Amino acid sequence: MSFQKGDIIEVYFDLPYSKETKTHPAIIISNEDVYDKDDIYVCVMMTSNNQIDAFSFEITQDMLNHTNNKDFSQARCHLISYVMDKHIVGNKPKNSLKENALNRLIVRINNTVF
């Protein structure tokens, strides 16, 4: 397993309201067992769009292990997908969420999506 739960990776997301497929950062929310079973990561998409709604989970600098290069970031709690290694741009994580922030994000996803 190249990446870990909480890592922020770059992947292509097909969004229904966009005519083109673009890369977005995504946070890995699945554990190692998921990867060991099916060679996939379950991820939630991030964006720097500052439109706040029920599916927003703001990512602040103190939640990250390294400084963010964006003034504003959020996880879009309802934009969840699985990705394979071949879908990931690059071979290293761009950043990672601290464990407490990751746990809060997963609770938020469960409360707003499921």
N, C-alpha and C. Protein backbone atom coordinates (compact mmCIF):
# COMPACT_ATOMS: atom_id res chain seq x y z
N MET A 1 0.86 -1.19 0.00
CA MET A 1 0.00 0.00 0.00
C MET A 1 0.89 1.23 0.00
N SER A 2 0.80 2.01 -1.06
CA SER A 2 1.65 3.19 -1.22
C SER A 2 1.21 4.37 -0.37
N PHE A 3 -0.08 4.48 -0.15
CA PHE A 3 -0.64 5.62 0.56
C PHE A 3 -1.37 5.14 1.81
N GLN A 4 -1.59 6.07 2.73
CA GLN A 4 -2.21 5.74 4.01
C GLN A 4 -3.49 6.54 4.23
N LYS A 5 -4.31 6.05 5.13
CA LYS A 5 -5.51 6.76 5.54
C LYS A 5 -5.10 8.16 6.02
N GLY A 6 -5.78 9.17 5.50
CA GLY A 6 -5.48 10.56 5.86
C GLY A 6 -4.60 11.27 4.85
N ASP A 7 -3.94 10.52 3.95
CA ASP A 7 -3.12 11.15 2.92
C ASP A 7 -3.99 11.93 1.94
N ILE A 8 -3.45 13.04 1.48
CA ILE A 8 -4.11 13.85 0.45
C ILE A 8 -3.37 13.59 -0.85
N ILE A 9 -4.12 13.09 -1.83
CA ILE A 9 -3.57 12.73 -3.12
C ILE A 9 -4.25 13.55 -4.20
N GLU A 10 -3.73 13.50 -5.40
CA GLU A 10 -4.32 14.21 -6.54
C GLU A 10 -4.92 13.17 -7.48
N VAL A 11 -6.23 13.32 -7.80
CA VAL A 11 -6.91 12.37 -8.68
C VAL A 11 -7.85 13.12 -9.63
N TYR A 12 -8.25 12.44 -10.69
CA TYR A 12 -9.23 13.00 -11.62
C TYR A 12 -10.64 12.68 -11.12
N PHE A 13 -11.49 13.69 -11.08
CA PHE A 13 -12.89 13.51 -10.70
C PHE A 13 -13.77 13.92 -11.87
N ASP A 14 -14.70 13.04 -12.26
CA ASP A 14 -15.74 13.40 -13.23
C ASP A 14 -16.91 13.95 -12.44
N LEU A 15 -17.19 15.22 -12.64
CA LEU A 15 -18.29 15.86 -11.93
C LEU A 15 -19.43 16.13 -12.89
N PRO A 16 -20.67 15.92 -12.48
CA PRO A 16 -21.80 16.04 -13.39
C PRO A 16 -22.01 17.45 -13.94
N TYR A 17 -21.56 18.47 -13.25
CA TYR A 17 -21.78 19.84 -13.68
C TYR A 17 -20.58 20.42 -14.44
N SER A 18 -19.58 19.60 -14.71
CA SER A 18 -18.39 20.07 -15.39
C SER A 18 -18.24 19.35 -16.74
N LYS A 19 -17.85 20.09 -17.76
CA LYS A 19 -17.69 19.50 -19.09
C LYS A 19 -16.34 18.81 -19.25
N GLU A 20 -15.41 19.10 -18.36
CA GLU A 20 -14.10 18.49 -18.45
C GLU A 20 -13.75 17.78 -17.14
N THR A 21 -12.91 16.79 -17.26
CA THR A 21 -12.42 16.08 -16.09
C THR A 21 -11.15 16.75 -15.63
N LYS A 22 -11.12 17.19 -14.37
CA LYS A 22 -9.96 17.88 -13.83
C LYS A 22 -9.45 17.14 -12.60
N THR A 23 -8.20 17.41 -12.28
CA THR A 23 -7.67 16.83 -11.05
C THR A 23 -8.12 17.65 -9.85
N HIS A 24 -8.30 16.94 -8.77
CA HIS A 24 -8.64 17.55 -7.49
C HIS A 24 -7.87 16.81 -6.41
N PRO A 25 -7.55 17.50 -5.33
CA PRO A 25 -7.01 16.77 -4.19
C PRO A 25 -8.13 15.93 -3.58
N ALA A 26 -7.75 14.82 -3.00
CA ALA A 26 -8.72 13.94 -2.34
C ALA A 26 -8.06 13.35 -1.10
N ILE A 27 -8.85 13.17 -0.08
CA ILE A 27 -8.37 12.61 1.18
C ILE A 27 -8.74 11.14 1.23
N ILE A 28 -7.76 10.29 1.48
CA ILE A 28 -8.03 8.86 1.64
C ILE A 28 -8.70 8.65 2.98
N ILE A 29 -9.90 8.05 2.96
CA ILE A 29 -10.64 7.81 4.21
C ILE A 29 -10.76 6.32 4.53
N SER A 30 -10.29 5.47 3.63
CA SER A 30 -10.36 4.02 3.88
C SER A 30 -9.10 3.55 4.58
N ASN A 31 -9.23 2.38 5.19
CA ASN A 31 -8.09 1.82 5.91
C ASN A 31 -7.32 0.82 5.04
N GLU A 32 -6.26 0.29 5.60
CA GLU A 32 -5.40 -0.64 4.87
C GLU A 32 -6.11 -1.92 4.46
N ASP A 33 -7.10 -2.35 5.25
CA ASP A 33 -7.85 -3.57 4.90
C ASP A 33 -8.57 -3.43 3.56
N VAL A 34 -9.09 -2.24 3.26
CA VAL A 34 -9.77 -2.01 2.00
C VAL A 34 -8.79 -2.18 0.84
N TYR A 35 -7.61 -1.60 1.01
CA TYR A 35 -6.60 -1.72 -0.04
C TYR A 35 -6.15 -3.17 -0.20
N ASP A 36 -5.93 -3.84 0.91
CA ASP A 36 -5.49 -5.24 0.86
C ASP A 36 -6.52 -6.14 0.18
N LYS A 37 -7.79 -5.84 0.34
CA LYS A 37 -8.86 -6.65 -0.25
C LYS A 37 -9.02 -6.39 -1.75
N ASP A 38 -9.06 -5.12 -2.17
CA ASP A 38 -9.43 -4.80 -3.55
C ASP A 38 -8.46 -3.86 -4.28
N ASP A 39 -7.32 -3.53 -3.68
CA ASP A 39 -6.34 -2.63 -4.31
C ASP A 39 -6.96 -1.28 -4.68
N ILE A 40 -7.79 -0.74 -3.80
CA ILE A 40 -8.40 0.58 -4.02
C ILE A 40 -8.31 1.41 -2.74
N TYR A 41 -8.45 2.70 -2.91
CA TYR A 41 -8.58 3.65 -1.80
C TYR A 41 -9.95 4.29 -1.92
N VAL A 42 -10.62 4.51 -0.81
CA VAL A 42 -11.86 5.27 -0.81
C VAL A 42 -11.48 6.69 -0.39
N CYS A 43 -11.90 7.66 -1.21
CA CYS A 43 -11.47 9.04 -1.02
C CYS A 43 -12.66 9.99 -1.04
N VAL A 44 -12.46 11.14 -0.41
CA VAL A 44 -13.43 12.23 -0.47
C VAL A 44 -12.73 13.41 -1.15
N MET A 45 -13.43 14.04 -2.08
CA MET A 45 -12.83 15.13 -2.86
C MET A 45 -12.68 16.40 -2.04
N MET A 46 -11.62 17.12 -2.34
CA MET A 46 -11.39 18.44 -1.75
C MET A 46 -11.53 19.50 -2.84
N THR A 47 -11.83 20.70 -2.42
CA THR A 47 -11.89 21.84 -3.34
C THR A 47 -11.47 23.10 -2.61
N SER A 48 -11.07 24.11 -3.37
CA SER A 48 -10.76 25.42 -2.78
C SER A 48 -11.92 26.38 -2.98
N ASN A 49 -13.01 25.90 -3.58
CA ASN A 49 -14.22 26.70 -3.72
C ASN A 49 -14.74 27.01 -2.32
N ASN A 50 -15.02 28.27 -2.05
CA ASN A 50 -15.43 28.66 -0.70
C ASN A 50 -16.94 28.73 -0.51
N GLN A 51 -17.69 28.08 -1.37
CA GLN A 51 -19.14 27.99 -1.20
C GLN A 51 -19.41 26.97 -0.09
N ILE A 52 -20.07 27.42 0.96
CA ILE A 52 -20.33 26.58 2.14
C ILE A 52 -21.77 26.08 2.09
N ASP A 53 -21.94 24.77 2.32
CA ASP A 53 -23.27 24.19 2.40
C ASP A 53 -23.24 23.01 3.38
N ALA A 54 -24.28 22.23 3.39
CA ALA A 54 -24.39 21.12 4.36
C ALA A 54 -23.31 20.07 4.17
N PHE A 55 -22.69 20.00 2.99
CA PHE A 55 -21.69 18.97 2.71
C PHE A 55 -20.26 19.48 2.84
N SER A 56 -20.09 20.69 3.35
CA SER A 56 -18.76 21.28 3.51
C SER A 56 -18.12 20.85 4.82
N PHE A 57 -16.83 20.56 4.75
CA PHE A 57 -16.01 20.33 5.93
C PHE A 57 -14.73 21.11 5.69
N GLU A 58 -14.63 22.27 6.34
CA GLU A 58 -13.48 23.14 6.11
C GLU A 58 -12.20 22.49 6.64
N ILE A 59 -11.16 22.58 5.83
CA ILE A 59 -9.84 22.07 6.21
C ILE A 59 -8.98 23.28 6.53
N THR A 60 -8.60 23.43 7.78
CA THR A 60 -7.78 24.56 8.21
C THR A 60 -6.32 24.13 8.33
N GLN A 61 -5.43 25.12 8.36
CA GLN A 61 -4.00 24.83 8.41
C GLN A 61 -3.62 23.93 9.58
N ASP A 62 -4.27 24.13 10.73
CA ASP A 62 -3.90 23.34 11.92
C ASP A 62 -4.32 21.87 11.81
N MET A 63 -5.14 21.52 10.83
CA MET A 63 -5.56 20.13 10.62
C MET A 63 -4.57 19.35 9.76
N LEU A 64 -3.65 20.07 9.12
CA LEU A 64 -2.74 19.46 8.15
C LEU A 64 -1.35 19.24 8.75
N ASN A 65 -0.66 18.26 8.24
CA ASN A 65 0.71 18.01 8.68
C ASN A 65 1.72 18.96 8.03
N HIS A 66 1.35 19.55 6.87
CA HIS A 66 2.20 20.51 6.18
C HIS A 66 1.34 21.70 5.76
N THR A 67 1.95 22.84 5.56
CA THR A 67 1.22 24.04 5.18
C THR A 67 0.49 23.84 3.86
N ASN A 68 -0.75 24.28 3.83
CA ASN A 68 -1.57 24.21 2.62
C ASN A 68 -1.17 25.35 1.69
N ASN A 69 -1.21 25.10 0.39
CA ASN A 69 -0.87 26.14 -0.57
C ASN A 69 -2.10 26.94 -1.02
N LYS A 70 -3.24 26.68 -0.41
CA LYS A 70 -4.49 27.39 -0.73
C LYS A 70 -4.94 28.18 0.50
N ASP A 71 -5.58 29.32 0.25
CA ASP A 71 -6.11 30.12 1.35
C ASP A 71 -7.30 29.44 2.01
N PHE A 72 -8.07 28.67 1.22
CA PHE A 72 -9.25 27.99 1.74
C PHE A 72 -9.36 26.62 1.10
N SER A 73 -9.67 25.63 1.91
CA SER A 73 -9.91 24.27 1.40
C SER A 73 -11.05 23.65 2.18
N GLN A 74 -11.75 22.77 1.50
CA GLN A 74 -12.80 22.02 2.18
C GLN A 74 -12.91 20.65 1.56
N ALA A 75 -13.34 19.69 2.36
CA ALA A 75 -13.73 18.38 1.84
C ALA A 75 -15.20 18.48 1.47
N ARG A 76 -15.57 17.88 0.35
CA ARG A 76 -16.96 17.83 -0.08
C ARG A 76 -17.49 16.47 0.34
N CYS A 77 -18.15 16.43 1.48
CA CYS A 77 -18.49 15.18 2.16
C CYS A 77 -19.31 14.20 1.33
N HIS A 78 -20.00 14.66 0.33
CA HIS A 78 -20.84 13.78 -0.49
C HIS A 78 -20.14 13.31 -1.77
N LEU A 79 -18.95 13.83 -2.06
CA LEU A 79 -18.22 13.45 -3.26
C LEU A 79 -17.16 12.42 -2.89
N ILE A 80 -17.62 11.19 -2.79
CA ILE A 80 -16.80 10.07 -2.34
C ILE A 80 -16.65 9.10 -3.52
N SER A 81 -15.44 8.61 -3.70
CA SER A 81 -15.19 7.68 -4.80
C SER A 81 -14.08 6.73 -4.41
N TYR A 82 -13.97 5.65 -5.14
CA TYR A 82 -12.81 4.80 -4.97
C TYR A 82 -11.83 5.10 -6.09
N VAL A 83 -10.56 4.97 -5.81
CA VAL A 83 -9.53 5.16 -6.82
C VAL A 83 -8.51 4.04 -6.72
N MET A 84 -7.94 3.72 -7.85
CA MET A 84 -6.85 2.75 -7.91
C MET A 84 -5.53 3.51 -8.03
N ASP A 85 -4.45 2.82 -7.76
CA ASP A 85 -3.13 3.47 -7.85
C ASP A 85 -2.92 4.15 -9.19
N LYS A 86 -3.38 3.55 -10.27
CA LYS A 86 -3.15 4.11 -11.60
C LYS A 86 -3.92 5.41 -11.83
N HIS A 87 -4.90 5.72 -10.98
CA HIS A 87 -5.67 6.96 -11.11
C HIS A 87 -5.03 8.13 -10.36
N ILE A 88 -4.04 7.83 -9.54
CA ILE A 88 -3.42 8.86 -8.70
C ILE A 88 -2.31 9.55 -9.48
N VAL A 89 -2.33 10.88 -9.45
CA VAL A 89 -1.31 11.68 -10.12
C VAL A 89 -0.11 11.78 -9.16
N GLY A 90 1.03 11.31 -9.59
CA GLY A 90 2.22 11.33 -8.75
C GLY A 90 2.31 10.09 -7.88
N ASN A 91 3.43 9.95 -7.21
CA ASN A 91 3.64 8.76 -6.38
C ASN A 91 3.84 9.08 -4.91
N LYS A 92 3.58 10.34 -4.53
CA LYS A 92 3.69 10.74 -3.12
C LYS A 92 2.44 11.54 -2.74
N PRO A 93 2.04 11.46 -1.47
CA PRO A 93 0.91 12.31 -1.04
C PRO A 93 1.30 13.78 -1.11
N LYS A 94 0.31 14.62 -1.38
CA LYS A 94 0.52 16.07 -1.42
C LYS A 94 0.60 16.65 -0.01
N ASN A 95 -0.08 16.00 0.91
CA ASN A 95 -0.15 16.43 2.30
C ASN A 95 -0.87 15.32 3.04
N SER A 96 -1.20 15.54 4.30
CA SER A 96 -2.02 14.58 5.04
C SER A 96 -2.73 15.29 6.18
N LEU A 97 -3.89 14.73 6.52
CA LEU A 97 -4.66 15.25 7.65
C LEU A 97 -4.15 14.62 8.94
N LYS A 98 -4.16 15.41 9.98
CA LYS A 98 -3.85 14.87 11.30
C LYS A 98 -4.98 13.93 11.72
N GLU A 99 -4.67 12.98 12.57
CA GLU A 99 -5.63 11.93 12.93
C GLU A 99 -6.92 12.48 13.51
N ASN A 100 -6.84 13.47 14.38
CA ASN A 100 -8.05 14.04 14.99
C ASN A 100 -8.95 14.67 13.93
N ALA A 101 -8.36 15.40 13.00
CA ALA A 101 -9.14 16.04 11.92
C ALA A 101 -9.76 14.98 11.01
N LEU A 102 -9.02 13.94 10.71
CA LEU A 102 -9.54 12.85 9.88
C LEU A 102 -10.74 12.18 10.55
N ASN A 103 -10.62 11.92 11.83
CA ASN A 103 -11.74 11.31 12.57
C ASN A 103 -12.96 12.21 12.57
N ARG A 104 -12.77 13.52 12.72
CA ARG A 104 -13.89 14.46 12.68
C ARG A 104 -14.52 14.50 11.29
N LEU A 105 -13.69 14.43 10.26
CA LEU A 105 -14.20 14.40 8.88
C LEU A 105 -15.06 13.16 8.65
N ILE A 106 -14.63 12.02 9.09
CA ILE A 106 -15.39 10.79 8.91
C ILE A 106 -16.72 10.85 9.65
N VAL A 107 -16.74 11.41 10.84
CA VAL A 107 -17.99 11.60 11.58
C VAL A 107 -18.91 12.53 10.78
N ARG A 108 -18.34 13.60 10.25
CA ARG A 108 -19.15 14.56 9.45
C ARG A 108 -19.73 13.88 8.21
N ILE A 109 -18.93 13.07 7.53
CA ILE A 109 -19.43 12.35 6.36
C ILE A 109 -20.57 11.42 6.76
N ASN A 110 -20.40 10.68 7.83
CA ASN A 110 -21.46 9.76 8.29
C ASN A 110 -22.74 10.51 8.65
N ASN A 111 -22.61 11.67 9.27
CA ASN A 111 -23.78 12.44 9.69
C ASN A 111 -24.49 13.13 8.52
N THR A 112 -23.75 13.57 7.51
CA THR A 112 -24.37 14.32 6.42
C THR A 112 -24.73 13.48 5.20
N VAL A 113 -24.05 12.36 5.02
CA VAL A 113 -24.26 11.56 3.81
C VAL A 113 -25.02 10.27 4.10
N PHE A 114 -24.70 9.62 5.18
CA PHE A 114 -25.29 8.31 5.48
C PHE A 114 -26.24 8.45 6.62
